[in-house]
């Protein structure tokens, strides 16, 4: 009985250690809801704008339709990410397009 309790205790401690390591290793993430006129056709421009924000590590536009999941180093302010997307705009074949972003909580 004593061996079983020791094994269970060791297993629980090992599991708790692994879970805390996962939390520490994960980068902070911000979620932005994207919008704008024809913005969905310009993912490259949105990604490039977000990657220019100091501290951004990765941008995922695929996991959630209409959203940007931005992994960063913890120093990034959400309003800087929103501002970066809000200046993404252009014109193609005489049609103006633009992007907007709103921080999700």
N, C-alpha and C. Protein backbone atom coordinates (compact mmCIF):
# COMPACT_ATOMS: atom_id res chain seq x y z
N UNK A 1 0.83 -1.20 0.00
CA UNK A 1 0.00 0.00 0.00
C UNK A 1 0.86 1.25 0.00
N UNK A 2 1.94 1.21 0.76
CA UNK A 2 2.81 2.37 0.87
C UNK A 2 3.47 2.68 -0.48
N UNK A 3 3.88 1.62 -1.22
CA UNK A 3 4.49 1.81 -2.54
C UNK A 3 3.50 2.44 -3.51
N UNK A 4 2.27 2.02 -3.45
CA UNK A 4 1.23 2.57 -4.33
C UNK A 4 1.06 4.05 -4.06
N UNK A 5 0.99 4.43 -2.79
CA UNK A 5 0.84 5.85 -2.45
C UNK A 5 2.04 6.67 -2.91
N UNK A 6 3.23 6.13 -2.72
CA UNK A 6 4.42 6.84 -3.18
C UNK A 6 4.42 7.00 -4.69
N UNK A 7 4.03 5.96 -5.40
CA UNK A 7 3.96 6.02 -6.86
C UNK A 7 2.94 7.04 -7.31
N UNK A 8 1.78 7.03 -6.69
CA UNK A 8 0.74 8.00 -7.05
C UNK A 8 1.19 9.42 -6.76
N UNK A 9 1.81 9.63 -5.60
CA UNK A 9 2.30 10.95 -5.23
C UNK A 9 3.35 11.42 -6.22
N UNK A 10 4.28 10.56 -6.58
CA UNK A 10 5.33 10.92 -7.54
C UNK A 10 4.71 11.24 -8.90
N UNK A 11 3.72 10.46 -9.30
CA UNK A 11 3.04 10.70 -10.57
C UNK A 11 2.33 12.04 -10.59
N UNK A 12 1.67 12.38 -9.51
CA UNK A 12 0.97 13.66 -9.41
C UNK A 12 1.97 14.80 -9.44
N UNK A 13 3.06 14.68 -8.71
CA UNK A 13 4.09 15.72 -8.71
C UNK A 13 4.72 15.88 -10.08
N UNK A 14 4.99 14.77 -10.75
CA UNK A 14 5.56 14.83 -12.09
C UNK A 14 4.59 15.53 -13.04
N UNK A 15 3.32 15.18 -12.99
CA UNK A 15 2.30 15.80 -13.85
C UNK A 15 2.21 17.29 -13.57
N UNK A 16 2.20 17.69 -12.31
CA UNK A 16 2.13 19.11 -11.95
C UNK A 16 3.34 19.85 -12.48
N UNK A 17 4.51 19.23 -12.43
CA UNK A 17 5.71 19.87 -12.96
C UNK A 17 5.65 20.05 -14.46
N UNK A 18 5.16 19.06 -15.17
CA UNK A 18 5.02 19.16 -16.63
C UNK A 18 4.03 20.26 -16.98
N UNK A 19 2.91 20.33 -16.28
CA UNK A 19 1.91 21.36 -16.57
C UNK A 19 2.46 22.76 -16.32
N UNK A 20 3.24 22.94 -15.26
CA UNK A 20 3.79 24.27 -14.99
C UNK A 20 4.84 24.63 -16.03
N UNK A 21 5.57 23.64 -16.55
CA UNK A 21 6.54 23.92 -17.60
C UNK A 21 5.84 24.36 -18.87
N UNK A 22 4.69 23.76 -19.20
CA UNK A 22 3.95 24.17 -20.38
C UNK A 22 3.52 25.62 -20.26
N UNK A 23 3.04 26.02 -19.13
CA UNK A 23 2.58 27.38 -18.92
C UNK A 23 3.74 28.36 -19.05
N UNK A 24 4.87 28.03 -18.47
CA UNK A 24 6.03 28.91 -18.54
C UNK A 24 6.57 29.02 -19.95
N UNK A 25 6.51 27.95 -20.73
CA UNK A 25 7.09 27.92 -22.06
C UNK A 25 6.20 28.61 -23.09
N UNK A 26 4.92 28.69 -22.85
CA UNK A 26 4.00 29.27 -23.82
C UNK A 26 4.18 30.79 -23.89
N UNK A 27 4.21 31.30 -25.13
CA UNK A 27 4.31 32.74 -25.33
C UNK A 27 2.95 33.37 -25.05
N UNK A 28 2.96 34.61 -24.54
CA UNK A 28 1.70 35.34 -24.40
C UNK A 28 1.07 35.51 -25.78
N UNK A 29 -0.24 35.60 -25.80
CA UNK A 29 -0.93 35.69 -27.08
C UNK A 29 -2.04 36.74 -27.01
N UNK A 30 -2.18 37.50 -28.08
CA UNK A 30 -3.27 38.46 -28.20
C UNK A 30 -4.15 38.02 -29.37
N UNK A 31 -5.44 38.22 -29.21
CA UNK A 31 -6.39 37.88 -30.27
C UNK A 31 -7.04 39.16 -30.77
N UNK A 32 -6.99 39.36 -32.08
CA UNK A 32 -7.60 40.52 -32.71
C UNK A 32 -8.70 40.06 -33.64
N UNK A 33 -9.84 40.75 -33.61
CA UNK A 33 -10.91 40.51 -34.57
C UNK A 33 -10.64 41.45 -35.75
N UNK A 34 -10.56 40.89 -36.93
CA UNK A 34 -10.24 41.66 -38.12
C UNK A 34 -11.49 42.02 -38.91
N UNK A 35 -11.44 43.16 -39.55
CA UNK A 35 -12.54 43.60 -40.41
C UNK A 35 -12.00 44.55 -41.46
N UNK A 36 -12.90 45.27 -42.07
CA UNK A 36 -12.50 46.22 -43.09
C UNK A 36 -13.01 45.82 -44.45
N UNK A 37 -12.73 46.66 -45.42
CA UNK A 37 -13.21 46.44 -46.78
C UNK A 37 -12.20 45.60 -47.55
N UNK A 38 -12.55 44.37 -47.89
CA UNK A 38 -11.72 43.43 -48.63
C UNK A 38 -10.43 43.03 -47.90
N UNK A 39 -10.36 43.24 -46.61
CA UNK A 39 -9.16 42.93 -45.83
C UNK A 39 -8.80 41.45 -45.91
N UNK A 40 -9.79 40.58 -45.96
CA UNK A 40 -9.52 39.14 -45.96
C UNK A 40 -8.70 38.68 -47.18
N UNK A 41 -8.63 39.52 -48.20
CA UNK A 41 -7.85 39.18 -49.40
C UNK A 41 -6.39 39.61 -49.30
N UNK A 42 -6.00 40.19 -48.18
CA UNK A 42 -4.65 40.72 -48.01
C UNK A 42 -3.98 40.22 -46.72
N UNK A 43 -3.96 38.91 -46.51
CA UNK A 43 -3.36 38.37 -45.28
C UNK A 43 -1.86 38.65 -45.18
N UNK A 44 -1.18 38.67 -46.31
CA UNK A 44 0.26 38.93 -46.29
C UNK A 44 0.54 40.32 -45.71
N UNK A 45 -0.23 41.31 -46.12
CA UNK A 45 -0.02 42.67 -45.64
C UNK A 45 -0.32 42.79 -44.15
N UNK A 46 -1.36 42.11 -43.69
CA UNK A 46 -1.71 42.13 -42.26
C UNK A 46 -0.59 41.46 -41.45
N UNK A 47 -0.14 40.31 -41.90
CA UNK A 47 0.93 39.59 -41.21
C UNK A 47 2.20 40.44 -41.15
N UNK A 48 2.58 41.04 -42.27
CA UNK A 48 3.78 41.88 -42.30
C UNK A 48 3.66 43.06 -41.33
N UNK A 49 2.50 43.70 -41.30
CA UNK A 49 2.30 44.84 -40.40
C UNK A 49 2.43 44.41 -38.94
N UNK A 50 1.85 43.28 -38.59
CA UNK A 50 1.93 42.81 -37.20
C UNK A 50 3.34 42.36 -36.84
N UNK A 51 4.06 41.74 -37.77
CA UNK A 51 5.42 41.28 -37.49
C UNK A 51 6.38 42.46 -37.30
N UNK A 52 6.04 43.64 -37.78
CA UNK A 52 6.89 44.82 -37.59
C UNK A 52 6.80 45.38 -36.18
N UNK A 53 5.77 44.99 -35.42
CA UNK A 53 5.64 45.46 -34.04
C UNK A 53 6.70 44.75 -33.21
N UNK A 54 7.51 45.54 -32.53
CA UNK A 54 8.61 44.98 -31.73
C UNK A 54 8.07 44.04 -30.65
N UNK A 55 8.61 42.82 -30.61
CA UNK A 55 8.19 41.83 -29.63
C UNK A 55 7.28 40.76 -30.18
N UNK A 56 6.73 40.96 -31.38
CA UNK A 56 5.85 39.95 -31.98
C UNK A 56 6.70 38.80 -32.50
N UNK A 57 6.28 37.59 -32.15
CA UNK A 57 7.02 36.39 -32.55
C UNK A 57 6.36 35.65 -33.70
N UNK A 58 5.03 35.61 -33.71
CA UNK A 58 4.32 34.87 -34.75
C UNK A 58 2.90 35.42 -34.91
N UNK A 59 2.39 35.26 -36.13
CA UNK A 59 1.02 35.68 -36.44
C UNK A 59 0.30 34.50 -37.08
N UNK A 60 -0.87 34.17 -36.58
CA UNK A 60 -1.69 33.08 -37.11
C UNK A 60 -3.03 33.64 -37.57
N UNK A 61 -3.26 33.60 -38.87
CA UNK A 61 -4.53 34.07 -39.42
C UNK A 61 -5.42 32.90 -39.84
N UNK A 62 -4.94 31.67 -39.65
CA UNK A 62 -5.66 30.49 -40.12
C UNK A 62 -6.55 29.83 -39.08
N UNK A 63 -6.16 29.87 -37.82
CA UNK A 63 -6.87 29.10 -36.78
C UNK A 63 -8.29 29.58 -36.52
N UNK A 64 -8.51 30.89 -36.57
CA UNK A 64 -9.84 31.45 -36.33
C UNK A 64 -10.17 32.40 -37.48
N UNK A 65 -11.16 32.06 -38.26
CA UNK A 65 -11.54 32.89 -39.40
C UNK A 65 -11.90 34.30 -38.93
N UNK A 66 -11.31 35.30 -39.61
CA UNK A 66 -11.59 36.69 -39.28
C UNK A 66 -10.86 37.22 -38.07
N UNK A 67 -9.86 36.46 -37.59
CA UNK A 67 -9.10 36.84 -36.41
C UNK A 67 -7.61 36.67 -36.64
N UNK A 68 -6.83 37.40 -35.90
CA UNK A 68 -5.38 37.23 -35.88
C UNK A 68 -4.98 36.82 -34.47
N UNK A 69 -4.26 35.71 -34.37
CA UNK A 69 -3.70 35.26 -33.10
C UNK A 69 -2.23 35.64 -33.14
N UNK A 70 -1.83 36.53 -32.25
CA UNK A 70 -0.48 37.08 -32.27
C UNK A 70 0.28 36.62 -31.03
N UNK A 71 1.34 35.84 -31.25
CA UNK A 71 2.21 35.42 -30.16
C UNK A 71 3.31 36.46 -30.01
N UNK A 72 3.61 36.80 -28.76
CA UNK A 72 4.61 37.84 -28.53
C UNK A 72 5.41 37.55 -27.27
N UNK A 73 6.36 38.45 -26.99
CA UNK A 73 7.28 38.22 -25.87
C UNK A 73 6.79 38.77 -24.54
N UNK A 74 5.60 39.31 -24.48
CA UNK A 74 5.05 39.84 -23.24
C UNK A 74 5.20 41.34 -23.09
N UNK A 75 5.96 41.96 -23.97
CA UNK A 75 6.16 43.42 -23.89
C UNK A 75 5.23 44.18 -24.83
N UNK A 76 4.50 43.47 -25.65
CA UNK A 76 3.66 44.10 -26.68
C UNK A 76 2.35 44.59 -26.08
N UNK A 77 1.98 45.81 -26.44
CA UNK A 77 0.69 46.36 -26.03
C UNK A 77 -0.33 46.07 -27.12
N UNK A 78 -1.51 45.63 -26.70
CA UNK A 78 -2.55 45.29 -27.66
C UNK A 78 -2.90 46.47 -28.56
N UNK A 79 -2.89 47.68 -27.99
CA UNK A 79 -3.23 48.86 -28.81
C UNK A 79 -2.20 49.09 -29.92
N UNK A 80 -0.95 48.64 -29.74
CA UNK A 80 0.05 48.74 -30.81
C UNK A 80 -0.27 47.77 -31.94
N UNK A 81 -0.78 46.60 -31.59
CA UNK A 81 -1.18 45.62 -32.61
C UNK A 81 -2.37 46.14 -33.40
N UNK A 82 -3.35 46.70 -32.70
CA UNK A 82 -4.53 47.26 -33.36
C UNK A 82 -4.12 48.39 -34.30
N UNK A 83 -3.25 49.27 -33.83
CA UNK A 83 -2.78 50.39 -34.65
C UNK A 83 -2.05 49.90 -35.89
N UNK A 84 -1.26 48.84 -35.76
CA UNK A 84 -0.52 48.30 -36.91
C UNK A 84 -1.47 47.80 -37.99
N UNK A 85 -2.56 47.15 -37.60
CA UNK A 85 -3.53 46.64 -38.58
C UNK A 85 -4.34 47.79 -39.18
N UNK A 86 -4.68 48.76 -38.37
CA UNK A 86 -5.55 49.84 -38.84
C UNK A 86 -4.91 50.72 -39.92
N UNK A 87 -3.62 50.63 -40.12
CA UNK A 87 -2.98 51.41 -41.19
C UNK A 87 -2.76 50.58 -42.45
N UNK A 88 -3.15 49.33 -42.43
CA UNK A 88 -3.01 48.47 -43.61
C UNK A 88 -4.14 48.82 -44.58
N UNK A 89 -3.73 49.33 -45.74
CA UNK A 89 -4.72 49.72 -46.75
C UNK A 89 -4.03 49.80 -48.09
N UNK A 90 -4.82 49.92 -49.13
CA UNK A 90 -4.26 50.04 -50.47
C UNK A 90 -5.35 50.22 -51.51
N UNK A 91 -4.90 50.13 -52.74
CA UNK A 91 -5.83 50.23 -53.87
C UNK A 91 -5.38 49.25 -54.92
N UNK A 92 -6.34 48.52 -55.46
CA UNK A 92 -6.03 47.55 -56.50
C UNK A 92 -7.09 47.66 -57.59
N UNK A 93 -6.62 47.88 -58.80
CA UNK A 93 -7.51 48.02 -59.97
C UNK A 93 -8.59 49.06 -59.71
N UNK A 94 -8.22 50.16 -59.09
CA UNK A 94 -9.14 51.26 -58.85
C UNK A 94 -10.08 51.07 -57.66
N UNK A 95 -9.93 49.96 -56.94
CA UNK A 95 -10.79 49.69 -55.78
C UNK A 95 -9.95 49.84 -54.52
N UNK A 96 -10.39 50.70 -53.61
CA UNK A 96 -9.69 50.90 -52.35
C UNK A 96 -10.09 49.82 -51.36
N UNK A 97 -9.10 49.36 -50.58
CA UNK A 97 -9.34 48.37 -49.54
C UNK A 97 -8.62 48.83 -48.28
N UNK A 98 -9.09 48.31 -47.13
CA UNK A 98 -8.46 48.65 -45.86
C UNK A 98 -8.79 47.58 -44.82
N UNK A 99 -7.99 47.57 -43.77
CA UNK A 99 -8.19 46.62 -42.68
C UNK A 99 -8.42 47.35 -41.36
N UNK A 100 -9.18 46.71 -40.51
CA UNK A 100 -9.41 47.21 -39.16
C UNK A 100 -9.21 46.05 -38.18
N UNK A 101 -8.92 46.40 -36.95
CA UNK A 101 -8.74 45.38 -35.91
C UNK A 101 -9.35 45.87 -34.61
N UNK A 102 -9.82 44.92 -33.83
CA UNK A 102 -10.36 45.19 -32.50
C UNK A 102 -9.83 44.12 -31.56
N UNK A 103 -9.32 44.52 -30.43
CA UNK A 103 -8.78 43.56 -29.47
C UNK A 103 -9.90 42.75 -28.84
N UNK A 104 -9.68 41.45 -28.74
CA UNK A 104 -10.62 40.55 -28.07
C UNK A 104 -10.12 40.32 -26.65
N UNK A 105 -11.03 40.25 -25.70
CA UNK A 105 -10.62 40.02 -24.31
C UNK A 105 -10.92 38.62 -23.89
